[in-house]
Amino acid sequence: MTLPIIPFAEGEALLNWLELTEALAAGHQLPKAEIGDTFLYRDPDTLLSRAAWIDGMGLAVKSATVFPGNPGKGKPMVNGGVCLYSDADGMLEALVDFHLVTKWKTAGDSLLGALRLARADSERILIVGAGTVGASLCEAFAAGFPQAKQAVWNRTTSKARALAEAKGVDLAEDLETAVRAADIIVSATMSTEPVIKGEWLRPGQHLNLIGAYRPDMREADDAALLKSKVYVDSFDTTLDHIGELKMPLAEGVLQRADVLADFYALDAFRRGGADEITLFKNGGGAHLDLMTSRYILDKWRAA
């Protein structure tokens, strides 16, 4: 059998956001993943490899090369691929486009959290951040909440306007006003200082945080965390690694028990009432890359 090499466009044409959330939920019913990351450096270039093994699903190694000089040569700065291996015999089963896996893993992860924690009758969604991830979130949340009207805010208004026009959604020019009006706030910025303030939140909202991934980064302030029921996709990739939770936990603003559950206890992901504010932190992780890659390969084989 020829080894499947799954490129971006051909692979994406087969995928469905709601099916992916179901695949992610099913993946968390299997034994907990073993994960490991490695970094290699040659200033200014980086090779990052993230590996995961889930008993009953298989193995994946997602490698990314980051070459900051590439854009000056007309080439993408970030490239890579995902090697997917059989759980039965360790044989290589597929090579999947890095950007395809990353796009669908990142937005699908947050959509699963929102489907469990946001009000099903949500009417207004605010996307904070107009980068590549923001564009993916517009697509994913439109599939998950088709009745809801979307708006996009970005620190640089021209970028928000461009994304809003491309996706056919509204432009939000004032962040506070947009947050107060939204039922679901989805934030994907690179901020090291909180952009979402707890004083803006009202009963019944769902806050979904994606952007922060380093210990010095966060998108929501302490007040937002304290007003919310807090959930994460993975304790292992968030609590001690991302400033969103690492900082308030270290400072005693939050207690460990205040972070209620991760995806390995999906039954605990439920609203306590219509007025409850829920918060989900998307930390990512190689196990989610593996689950997403397996879903992509299954769809490829079925087609």
C-alpha atoms as a PDB file:
ATOM      1  CA  MET A   1       0.000   0.000   0.000  1.00  0.00           C
ATOM      2  CA  THR A   2       1.272   3.479  -0.886  1.00  0.00           C
ATOM      3  CA  LEU A   3       1.998   5.637   2.118  1.00  0.00           C
ATOM      4  CA  PRO A   4      -0.658   8.404   2.314  1.00  0.00           C
ATOM      5  CA  ILE A   5       0.799  11.900   2.097  1.00  0.00           C
ATOM      6  CA  ILE A   6      -2.055  14.216   3.038  1.00  0.00           C
ATOM      7  CA  PRO A   7      -1.652  17.837   1.848  1.00  0.00           C
ATOM      8  CA  PHE A   8      -3.573  20.787   3.242  1.00  0.00           C
ATOM      9  CA  ALA A   9      -6.274  21.523   0.674  1.00  0.00           C
ATOM     10  CA  GLU A  10      -7.091  17.911  -0.221  1.00  0.00           C
ATOM     11  CA  GLY A  11      -7.216  16.904   3.431  1.00  0.00           C
ATOM     12  CA  GLU A  12      -9.272  19.868   4.606  1.00  0.00           C
ATOM     13  CA  ALA A  13     -11.944  19.241   1.977  1.00  0.00           C
ATOM     14  CA  LEU A  14     -12.844  16.021   3.811  1.00  0.00           C
ATOM     15  CA  LEU A  15     -13.117  17.399   7.350  1.00  0.00           C
ATOM     16  CA  ASN A  16     -16.016  18.493   9.540  1.00  0.00           C
ATOM     17  CA  TRP A  17     -15.668  20.542  12.712  1.00  0.00           C
ATOM     18  CA  LEU A  18     -18.382  18.762  14.699  1.00  0.00           C
ATOM     19  CA  GLU A  19     -17.036  15.354  13.701  1.00  0.00           C
ATOM     20  CA  LEU A  20     -13.609  16.427  14.918  1.00  0.00           C
ATOM     21  CA  THR A  21     -14.953  17.402  18.347  1.00  0.00           C
ATOM     22  CA  GLU A  22     -16.531  13.959  18.585  1.00  0.00           C
ATOM     23  CA  ALA A  23     -13.193  12.376  17.664  1.00  0.00           C
ATOM     24  CA  LEU A  24     -11.405  14.431  20.322  1.00  0.00           C
ATOM     25  CA  ALA A  25     -13.972  13.429  22.931  1.00  0.00           C
ATOM     26  CA  ALA A  26     -13.580   9.748  21.978  1.00  0.00           C
ATOM     27  CA  GLY A  27      -9.786  10.041  22.151  1.00  0.00           C
ATOM     28  CA  HIS A  28     -10.029  11.138  25.768  1.00  0.00           C
ATOM     29  CA  GLN A  29     -11.895   7.946  26.639  1.00  0.00           C
ATOM     30  CA  LEU A  30      -8.710   5.973  25.859  1.00  0.00           C
ATOM     31  CA  PRO A  31      -5.795   5.661  28.307  1.00  0.00           C
ATOM     32  CA  LYS A  32      -4.043   8.939  29.039  1.00  0.00           C
ATOM     33  CA  ALA A  33      -1.448   9.912  26.467  1.00  0.00           C
ATOM     34  CA  GLU A  34       2.297   9.812  27.003  1.00  0.00           C
ATOM     35  CA  ILE A  35       3.726  13.051  25.582  1.00  0.00           C
ATOM     36  CA  GLY A  36       7.157  14.592  25.154  1.00  0.00           C
ATOM     37  CA  ASP A  37       8.644  17.675  23.494  1.00  0.00           C
ATOM     38  CA  THR A  38      12.161  18.298  22.191  1.00  0.00           C
ATOM     39  CA  PHE A  39      13.774  21.521  20.945  1.00  0.00           C
ATOM     40  CA  LEU A  40      16.906  21.944  18.830  1.00  0.00           C
ATOM     41  CA  TYR A  41      18.376  25.365  18.114  1.00  0.00           C
ATOM     42  CA  ARG A  42      20.734  26.969  15.600  1.00  0.00           C
ATOM     43  CA  ASP A  43      20.364  30.676  16.140  1.00  0.00           C
ATOM     44  CA  PRO A  44      17.978  32.007  14.916  1.00  0.00           C
ATOM     45  CA  ASP A  45      16.399  28.753  13.681  1.00  0.00           C
ATOM     46  CA  THR A  46      14.470  26.146  15.685  1.00  0.00           C
ATOM     47  CA  LEU A  47      13.339  22.546  15.294  1.00  0.00           C
ATOM     48  CA  LEU A  48      10.454  21.626  17.601  1.00  0.00           C
ATOM     49  CA  SER A  49       9.208  18.047  17.808  1.00  0.00           C
ATOM     50  CA  ARG A  50       6.170  17.017  19.826  1.00  0.00           C
ATOM     51  CA  ALA A  51       5.459  13.332  20.296  1.00  0.00           C
ATOM     52  CA  ALA A  52       2.450  11.476  21.707  1.00  0.00           C
ATOM     53  CA  TRP A  53       1.492   7.845  22.211  1.00  0.00           C
ATOM     54  CA  ILE A  54      -2.042   6.788  23.096  1.00  0.00           C
ATOM     55  CA  ASP A  55      -2.562   3.097  23.803  1.00  0.00           C
ATOM     56  CA  GLY A  56      -5.237   1.944  21.381  1.00  0.00           C
ATOM     57  CA  MET A  57      -4.774   4.854  18.940  1.00  0.00           C
ATOM     58  CA  GLY A  58      -1.134   4.944  17.927  1.00  0.00           C
ATOM     59  CA  LEU A  59       1.770   7.345  17.878  1.00  0.00           C
ATOM     60  CA  ALA A  60       2.441  10.719  16.284  1.00  0.00           C
ATOM     61  CA  VAL A  61       5.466  12.960  15.964  1.00  0.00           C
ATOM     62  CA  LYS A  62       4.716  16.516  14.873  1.00  0.00           C
ATOM     63  CA  SER A  63       7.828  18.419  13.845  1.00  0.00           C
ATOM     64  CA  ALA A  64       8.008  22.120  13.091  1.00  0.00           C
ATOM     65  CA  THR A  65      10.907  24.087  11.650  1.00  0.00           C
ATOM     66  CA  VAL A  66      10.943  27.798  12.462  1.00  0.00           C
ATOM     67  CA  PHE A  67      13.292  29.786  10.190  1.00  0.00           C
ATOM     68  CA  PRO A  68      12.746  33.534  10.808  1.00  0.00           C
ATOM     69  CA  GLY A  69      14.748  34.447   7.693  1.00  0.00           C
ATOM     70  CA  ASN A  70      12.428  32.594   5.325  1.00  0.00           C
ATOM     71  CA  PRO A  71       9.869  35.384   4.726  1.00  0.00           C
ATOM     72  CA  GLY A  72      12.666  37.533   3.300  1.00  0.00           C
ATOM     73  CA  LYS A  73      13.249  34.776   0.735  1.00  0.00           C
ATOM     74  CA  GLY A  74       9.580  34.451  -0.114  1.00  0.00           C
ATOM     75  CA  LYS A  75       9.164  31.258   1.926  1.00  0.00           C
ATOM     76  CA  PRO A  76       6.983  30.486   4.990  1.00  0.00           C
ATOM     77  CA  MET A  77       8.691  30.933   8.354  1.00  0.00           C
ATOM     78  CA  VAL A  78       7.065  27.808   9.854  1.00  0.00           C
ATOM     79  CA  ASN A  79       7.028  24.447   8.093  1.00  0.00           C
ATOM     80  CA  GLY A  80       6.707  20.861   9.199  1.00  0.00           C
ATOM     81  CA  GLY A  81       4.813  17.617   9.090  1.00  0.00           C
ATOM     82  CA  VAL A  82       3.149  14.978  11.250  1.00  0.00           C
ATOM     83  CA  CYS A  83       4.236  11.352  11.080  1.00  0.00           C
ATOM     84  CA  LEU A  84       1.483   8.994  12.215  1.00  0.00           C
ATOM     85  CA  TYR A  85       2.400   5.468  13.324  1.00  0.00           C
ATOM     86  CA  SER A  86       0.395   2.296  13.945  1.00  0.00           C
ATOM     87  CA  ASP A  87      -0.346   1.316  17.513  1.00  0.00           C
ATOM     88  CA  ALA A  88      -0.177  -2.365  16.541  1.00  0.00           C
ATOM     89  CA  ASP A  89       3.271  -2.562  14.951  1.00  0.00           C
ATOM     90  CA  GLY A  90       4.770   0.928  14.901  1.00  0.00           C
ATOM     91  CA  MET A  91       4.712   1.133  11.115  1.00  0.00           C
ATOM     92  CA  LEU A  92       4.479   4.553   9.514  1.00  0.00           C
ATOM     93  CA  GLU A  93       0.853   5.024   8.382  1.00  0.00           C
ATOM     94  CA  ALA A  94       0.735   8.563   7.002  1.00  0.00           C
ATOM     95  CA  LEU A  95       2.500  11.883   6.615  1.00  0.00           C
ATOM     96  CA  VAL A  96       0.080  14.758   7.243  1.00  0.00           C
ATOM     97  CA  ASP A  97       0.565  18.461   6.487  1.00  0.00           C
ATOM     98  CA  PHE A  98       1.682  20.332   9.604  1.00  0.00           C
ATOM     99  CA  HIS A  99      -0.555  23.360   9.010  1.00  0.00           C
ATOM    100  CA  LEU A 100      -3.634  21.183   8.444  1.00  0.00           C
ATOM    101  CA  VAL A 101      -3.202  19.388  11.770  1.00  0.00           C
ATOM    102  CA  THR A 102      -2.380  22.583  13.658  1.00  0.00           C
ATOM    103  CA  LYS A 103      -5.366  24.515  12.302  1.00  0.00           C
ATOM    104  CA  TRP A 104      -7.935  21.837  13.029  1.00  0.00           C
ATOM    105  CA  LYS A 105      -6.426  20.758  16.362  1.00  0.00           C
ATOM    106  CA  THR A 106      -6.290  24.293  17.760  1.00  0.00           C
ATOM    107  CA  ALA A 107      -9.754  25.469  16.758  1.00  0.00           C
ATOM    108  CA  GLY A 108     -11.362  22.053  17.313  1.00  0.00           C
ATOM    109  CA  ASP A 109      -9.976  21.897  20.856  1.00  0.00           C
ATOM    110  CA  SER A 110     -11.610  25.223  21.742  1.00  0.00           C
ATOM    111  CA  LEU A 111     -14.845  24.338  19.970  1.00  0.00           C
ATOM    112  CA  LEU A 112     -15.162  21.152  22.043  1.00  0.00           C
ATOM    113  CA  GLY A 113     -14.753  23.202  25.216  1.00  0.00           C
ATOM    114  CA  ALA A 114     -17.341  25.724  24.075  1.00  0.00           C
ATOM    115  CA  LEU A 115     -19.885  23.096  23.029  1.00  0.00           C
ATOM    116  CA  ARG A 116     -19.736  21.715  26.572  1.00  0.00           C
ATOM    117  CA  LEU A 117     -19.557  25.004  28.492  1.00  0.00           C
ATOM    118  CA  ALA A 118     -21.303  27.746  26.484  1.00  0.00           C
ATOM    119  CA  ARG A 119     -25.052  28.219  26.367  1.00  0.00           C
ATOM    120  CA  ALA A 120     -26.475  26.324  23.407  1.00  0.00           C
ATOM    121  CA  ASP A 121     -28.683  29.324  22.588  1.00  0.00           C
ATOM    122  CA  SER A 122     -25.750  31.751  22.375  1.00  0.00           C
ATOM    123  CA  GLU A 123     -26.516  34.485  19.845  1.00  0.00           C
ATOM    124  CA  ARG A 124     -23.328  36.580  19.708  1.00  0.00           C
ATOM    125  CA  ILE A 125     -19.725  35.383  19.370  1.00  0.00           C
ATOM    126  CA  LEU A 126     -16.721  37.696  19.621  1.00  0.00           C
ATOM    127  CA  ILE A 127     -13.398  36.588  18.128  1.00  0.00           C
ATOM    128  CA  VAL A 128     -10.528  38.542  19.711  1.00  0.00           C
ATOM    129  CA  GLY A 129      -7.488  38.451  17.429  1.00  0.00           C
ATOM    130  CA  ALA A 130      -7.441  38.534  13.641  1.00  0.00           C
ATOM    131  CA  GLY A 131      -4.495  36.292  12.880  1.00  0.00           C
ATOM    132  CA  THR A 132      -4.414  32.833  11.322  1.00  0.00           C
ATOM    133  CA  VAL A 133      -5.972  31.227  14.411  1.00  0.00           C
ATOM    134  CA  GLY A 134      -8.702  33.865  14.524  1.00  0.00           C
ATOM    135  CA  ALA A 135      -9.693  32.970  10.970  1.00  0.00           C
ATOM    136  CA  SER A 136      -9.893  29.277  11.900  1.00  0.00           C
ATOM    137  CA  LEU A 137     -12.021  30.107  14.930  1.00  0.00           C
ATOM    138  CA  CYS A 138     -14.528  31.958  12.750  1.00  0.00           C
ATOM    139  CA  GLU A 139     -14.988  28.761  10.737  1.00  0.00           C
ATOM    140  CA  ALA A 140     -15.107  26.366  13.681  1.00  0.00           C
ATOM    141  CA  PHE A 141     -17.531  28.397  15.809  1.00  0.00           C
ATOM    142  CA  ALA A 142     -19.801  29.030  12.833  1.00  0.00           C
ATOM    143  CA  ALA A 143     -20.145  25.253  12.547  1.00  0.00           C
ATOM    144  CA  GLY A 144     -20.674  24.769  16.278  1.00  0.00           C
ATOM    145  CA  PHE A 145     -23.072  27.687  16.793  1.00  0.00           C
ATOM    146  CA  PRO A 146     -24.668  28.299  13.379  1.00  0.00           C
ATOM    147  CA  GLN A 147     -27.386  30.541  14.819  1.00  0.00           C
ATOM    148  CA  ALA A 148     -24.906  32.974  16.375  1.00  0.00           C
ATOM    149  CA  LYS A 149     -23.735  36.221  14.814  1.00  0.00           C
ATOM    150  CA  GLN A 150     -19.962  36.752  14.867  1.00  0.00           C
ATOM    151  CA  ALA A 151     -17.801  39.838  15.275  1.00  0.00           C
ATOM    152  CA  VAL A 152     -14.007  40.246  15.143  1.00  0.00           C
ATOM    153  CA  TRP A 153     -11.826  42.615  17.153  1.00  0.00           C
ATOM    154  CA  ASN A 154      -8.092  43.166  16.752  1.00  0.00           C
ATOM    155  CA  ARG A 155      -5.691  45.689  18.209  1.00  0.00           C
ATOM    156  CA  THR A 156      -4.938  46.770  14.637  1.00  0.00           C
ATOM    157  CA  THR A 157      -8.377  47.595  13.273  1.00  0.00           C
ATOM    158  CA  SER A 158      -7.367  47.164   9.633  1.00  0.00           C
ATOM    159  CA  LYS A 159      -6.547  43.499  10.263  1.00  0.00           C
ATOM    160  CA  ALA A 160      -9.887  42.946  11.983  1.00  0.00           C
ATOM    161  CA  ARG A 161     -11.676  44.634   9.092  1.00  0.00           C
ATOM    162  CA  ALA A 162      -9.881  42.425   6.552  1.00  0.00           C
ATOM    163  CA  LEU A 163     -10.831  39.232   8.424  1.00  0.00           C
ATOM    164  CA  ALA A 164     -14.408  40.408   8.981  1.00  0.00           C
ATOM    165  CA  GLU A 165     -14.810  41.081   5.268  1.00  0.00           C
ATOM    166  CA  ALA A 166     -13.198  37.753   4.308  1.00  0.00           C
ATOM    167  CA  LYS A 167     -15.458  35.751   6.637  1.00  0.00           C
ATOM    168  CA  GLY A 168     -18.616  37.845   6.225  1.00  0.00           C
ATOM    169  CA  VAL A 169     -18.830  38.785   9.912  1.00  0.00           C
ATOM    170  CA  ASP A 170     -19.098  42.070  11.814  1.00  0.00           C
ATOM    171  CA  LEU A 171     -16.230  44.367  12.775  1.00  0.00           C
ATOM    172  CA  ALA A 172     -15.958  45.207  16.485  1.00  0.00           C
ATOM    173  CA  GLU A 173     -14.150  48.510  17.012  1.00  0.00           C
ATOM    174  CA  ASP A 174     -14.365  48.814  20.812  1.00  0.00           C
ATOM    175  CA  LEU A 175     -13.275  45.756  22.787  1.00  0.00           C
ATOM    176  CA  GLU A 176     -15.107  46.504  26.038  1.00  0.00           C
ATOM    177  CA  THR A 177     -18.404  47.117  24.249  1.00  0.00           C
ATOM    178  CA  ALA A 178     -17.971  43.944  22.188  1.00  0.00           C
ATOM    179  CA  VAL A 179     -17.111  41.777  25.216  1.00  0.00           C
ATOM    180  CA  ARG A 180     -20.122  43.043  27.164  1.00  0.00           C
ATOM    181  CA  ALA A 181     -22.422  42.247  24.215  1.00  0.00           C
ATOM    182  CA  ALA A 182     -21.078  38.771  23.436  1.00  0.00           C
ATOM    183  CA  ASP A 183     -22.378  35.449  24.729  1.00  0.00           C
ATOM    184  CA  ILE A 184     -19.141  33.682  23.759  1.00  0.00           C
ATOM    185  CA  ILE A 185     -15.750  35.428  23.784  1.00  0.00           C
ATOM    186  CA  VAL A 186     -12.951  33.550  22.010  1.00  0.00           C
ATOM    187  CA  SER A 187      -9.506  35.105  22.399  1.00  0.00           C
ATOM    188  CA  ALA A 188      -6.446  34.247  20.307  1.00  0.00           C
ATOM    189  CA  THR A 189      -3.878  36.991  20.814  1.00  0.00           C
ATOM    190  CA  MET A 190      -0.139  37.004  21.537  1.00  0.00           C
ATOM    191  CA  SER A 191      -0.584  39.282  24.544  1.00  0.00           C
ATOM    192  CA  THR A 192       1.563  39.169  27.673  1.00  0.00           C
ATOM    193  CA  GLU A 193      -0.854  41.543  29.439  1.00  0.00           C
ATOM    194  CA  PRO A 194      -4.552  40.696  29.942  1.00  0.00           C
ATOM    195  CA  VAL A 195      -6.820  42.088  27.249  1.00  0.00           C
ATOM    196  CA  ILE A 196     -10.073  40.696  28.711  1.00  0.00           C
ATOM    197  CA  LYS A 197     -11.156  42.308  31.985  1.00  0.00           C
ATOM    198  CA  GLY A 198     -13.399  40.582  34.479  1.00  0.00           C
ATOM    199  CA  GLU A 199     -15.336  43.797  35.130  1.00  0.00           C
ATOM    200  CA  TRP A 200     -16.664  43.552  31.551  1.00  0.00           C
ATOM    201  CA  LEU A 201     -18.114  40.055  32.015  1.00  0.00           C
ATOM    202  CA  ARG A 202     -21.791  39.425  32.741  1.00  0.00           C
ATOM    203  CA  PRO A 203     -23.754  36.337  33.858  1.00  0.00           C
ATOM    204  CA  GLY A 204     -24.192  33.576  31.299  1.00  0.00           C
ATOM    205  CA  GLN A 205     -21.078  34.198  29.216  1.00  0.00           C
ATOM    206  CA  HIS A 206     -18.441  31.720  28.081  1.00  0.00           C
ATOM    207  CA  LEU A 207     -14.800  32.837  27.809  1.00  0.00           C
ATOM    208  CA  ASN A 208     -12.523  30.656  25.644  1.00  0.00           C
ATOM    209  CA  LEU A 209      -8.789  31.454  25.785  1.00  0.00           C
ATOM    210  CA  ILE A 210      -6.310  30.212  23.181  1.00  0.00           C
ATOM    211  CA  GLY A 211      -3.483  32.683  22.593  1.00  0.00           C
ATOM    212  CA  ALA A 212      -1.257  32.446  25.682  1.00  0.00           C
ATOM    213  CA  TYR A 213       1.191  29.545  25.507  1.00  0.00           C
ATOM    214  CA  ARG A 214       4.231  30.755  27.500  1.00  0.00           C
ATOM    215  CA  PRO A 215       4.663  31.340  31.258  1.00  0.00           C
ATOM    216  CA  ASP A 216       4.764  35.115  30.672  1.00  0.00           C
ATOM    217  CA  MET A 217       1.580  35.282  28.577  1.00  0.00           C
ATOM    218  CA  ARG A 218      -2.047  35.739  29.544  1.00  0.00           C
ATOM    219  CA  GLU A 219      -5.224  37.133  27.960  1.00  0.00           C
ATOM    220  CA  ALA A 220      -7.637  37.471  30.914  1.00  0.00           C
ATOM    221  CA  ASP A 221      -7.106  39.234  34.224  1.00  0.00           C
ATOM    222  CA  ASP A 222      -7.530  37.848  37.729  1.00  0.00           C
ATOM    223  CA  ALA A 223     -11.040  39.250  38.023  1.00  0.00           C
ATOM    224  CA  ALA A 224     -12.152  37.282  34.962  1.00  0.00           C
ATOM    225  CA  LEU A 225     -10.783  34.052  36.426  1.00  0.00           C
ATOM    226  CA  LEU A 226     -12.378  34.673  39.813  1.00  0.00           C
ATOM    227  CA  LYS A 227     -15.812  35.317  38.284  1.00  0.00           C
ATOM    228  CA  SER A 228     -15.663  32.085  36.249  1.00  0.00           C
ATOM    229  CA  LYS A 229     -15.881  28.340  36.576  1.00  0.00           C
ATOM    230  CA  VAL A 230     -12.486  27.352  35.135  1.00  0.00           C
ATOM    231  CA  TYR A 231     -11.765  24.346  32.901  1.00  0.00           C
ATOM    232  CA  VAL A 232      -8.772  23.329  30.751  1.00  0.00           C
ATOM    233  CA  ASP A 233      -8.093  20.856  27.975  1.00  0.00           C
ATOM    234  CA  SER A 234      -5.152  19.322  29.856  1.00  0.00           C
ATOM    235  CA  PHE A 235      -3.849  19.887  33.357  1.00  0.00           C
ATOM    236  CA  ASP A 236      -0.397  18.767  32.182  1.00  0.00           C
ATOM    237  CA  THR A 237      -0.029  21.405  29.467  1.00  0.00           C
ATOM    238  CA  THR A 238      -1.594  24.388  31.251  1.00  0.00           C
ATOM    239  CA  LEU A 239      -1.216  24.607  35.030  1.00  0.00           C
ATOM    240  CA  ASP A 240       2.581  24.822  35.289  1.00  0.00           C
ATOM    241  CA  HIS A 241       3.352  26.041  31.780  1.00  0.00           C
ATOM    242  CA  ILE A 242       1.052  28.906  30.732  1.00  0.00           C
ATOM    243  CA  GLY A 243       0.867  32.261  32.474  1.00  0.00           C
ATOM    244  CA  GLU A 244      -2.925  32.315  32.218  1.00  0.00           C
ATOM    245  CA  LEU A 245      -3.037  29.879  35.139  1.00  0.00           C
ATOM    246  CA  LYS A 246       0.567  29.590  36.305  1.00  0.00           C
ATOM    247  CA  MET A 247       0.688  33.212  37.496  1.00  0.00           C
ATOM    248  CA  PRO A 248      -2.582  33.326  39.498  1.00  0.00           C
ATOM    249  CA  LEU A 249      -1.878  29.901  41.002  1.00  0.00           C
ATOM    250  CA  ALA A 250       1.627  30.952  42.075  1.00  0.00           C
ATOM    251  CA  GLU A 251       0.297  34.196  43.538  1.00  0.00           C
ATOM    252  CA  GLY A 252      -2.530  32.490  45.435  1.00  0.00           C
ATOM    253  CA  VAL A 253      -5.238  34.238  43.450  1.00  0.00           C
ATOM    254  CA  LEU A 254      -6.486  30.809  42.378  1.00  0.00           C
ATOM    255  CA  GLN A 255      -6.231  27.498  44.181  1.00  0.00           C
ATOM    256  CA  ARG A 256      -5.553  24.265  42.357  1.00  0.00           C
ATOM    257  CA  ALA A 257      -9.061  23.062  43.222  1.00  0.00           C
ATOM    258  CA  ASP A 258     -10.495  26.057  41.363  1.00  0.00           C
ATOM    259  CA  VAL A 259      -9.469  24.470  38.043  1.00  0.00           C
ATOM    260  CA  LEU A 260     -12.337  22.036  37.905  1.00  0.00           C
ATOM    261  CA  ALA A 261     -11.592  19.509  35.159  1.00  0.00           C
ATOM    262  CA  ASP A 262      -9.743  18.723  31.947  1.00  0.00           C
ATOM    263  CA  PHE A 263     -10.860  16.707  28.929  1.00  0.00           C
ATOM    264  CA  TYR A 264     -10.038  13.431  30.664  1.00  0.00           C
ATOM    265  CA  ALA A 265     -13.115  14.161  32.810  1.00  0.00           C
ATOM    266  CA  LEU A 266     -15.420  15.448  30.069  1.00  0.00           C
ATOM    267  CA  ASP A 267     -18.543  14.546  32.030  1.00  0.00           C
ATOM    268  CA  ALA A 268     -17.616  17.355  34.432  1.00  0.00           C
ATOM    269  CA  PHE A 269     -17.810  19.898  31.583  1.00  0.00           C
ATOM    270  CA  ARG A 270     -21.308  21.241  32.128  1.00  0.00           C
ATOM    271  CA  ARG A 271     -22.906  24.512  33.071  1.00  0.00           C
ATOM    272  CA  GLY A 272     -24.262  24.917  36.574  1.00  0.00           C
ATOM    273  CA  GLY A 273     -26.980  27.287  35.409  1.00  0.00           C
ATOM    274  CA  ALA A 274     -27.882  29.864  32.801  1.00  0.00           C
ATOM    275  CA  ASP A 275     -26.169  32.675  34.731  1.00  0.00           C
ATOM    276  CA  GLU A 276     -22.878  30.901  35.333  1.00  0.00           C
ATOM    277  CA  ILE A 277     -19.751  32.302  33.649  1.00  0.00           C
ATOM    278  CA  THR A 278     -17.527  29.548  32.300  1.00  0.00           C
ATOM    279  CA  LEU A 279     -13.888  29.808  31.223  1.00  0.00           C
ATOM    280  CA  PHE A 280     -11.953  27.309  29.101  1.00  0.00           C
ATOM    281  CA  LYS A 281      -8.189  27.459  28.609  1.00  0.00           C
ATOM    282  CA  ASN A 282      -6.854  25.793  25.464  1.00  0.00           C
ATOM    283  CA  GLY A 283      -3.299  24.655  26.178  1.00  0.00           C
ATOM    284  CA  GLY A 284      -2.843  22.282  23.269  1.00  0.00           C
ATOM    285  CA  GLY A 285      -0.470  19.336  23.383  1.00  0.00           C
ATOM    286  CA  ALA A 286       0.866  16.543  21.205  1.00  0.00           C
ATOM    287  CA  HIS A 287      -1.921  14.185  22.283  1.00  0.00           C
ATOM    288  CA  LEU A 288      -4.415  16.492  20.545  1.00  0.00           C
ATOM    289  CA  ASP A 289      -2.231  16.494  17.421  1.00  0.00           C
ATOM    290  CA  LEU A 290      -2.356  12.697  17.478  1.00  0.00           C
ATOM    291  CA  MET A 291      -6.143  12.593  17.872  1.00  0.00           C
ATOM    292  CA  THR A 292      -6.592  15.142  15.097  1.00  0.00           C
ATOM    293  CA  SER A 293      -4.162  13.366  12.762  1.00  0.00           C
ATOM    294  CA  ARG A 294      -5.939  10.059  13.331  1.00  0.00           C
ATOM    295  CA  TYR A 295      -9.267  11.709  12.487  1.00  0.00           C
ATOM    296  CA  ILE A 296      -7.756  13.164   9.304  1.00  0.00           C
ATOM    297  CA  LEU A 297      -6.325   9.803   8.236  1.00  0.00           C
ATOM    298  CA  ASP A 298      -9.639   8.050   8.917  1.00  0.00           C
ATOM    299  CA  LYS A 299     -11.452  10.564   6.690  1.00  0.00           C
ATOM    300  CA  TRP A 300      -8.764  10.209   4.006  1.00  0.00           C
ATOM    301  CA  ARG A 301      -9.090   6.435   3.969  1.00  0.00           C
ATOM    302  CA  ALA A 302     -12.880   6.596   3.894  1.00  0.00           C
ATOM    303  CA  ALA A 303     -12.731   8.853   0.852  1.00  0.00           C
END
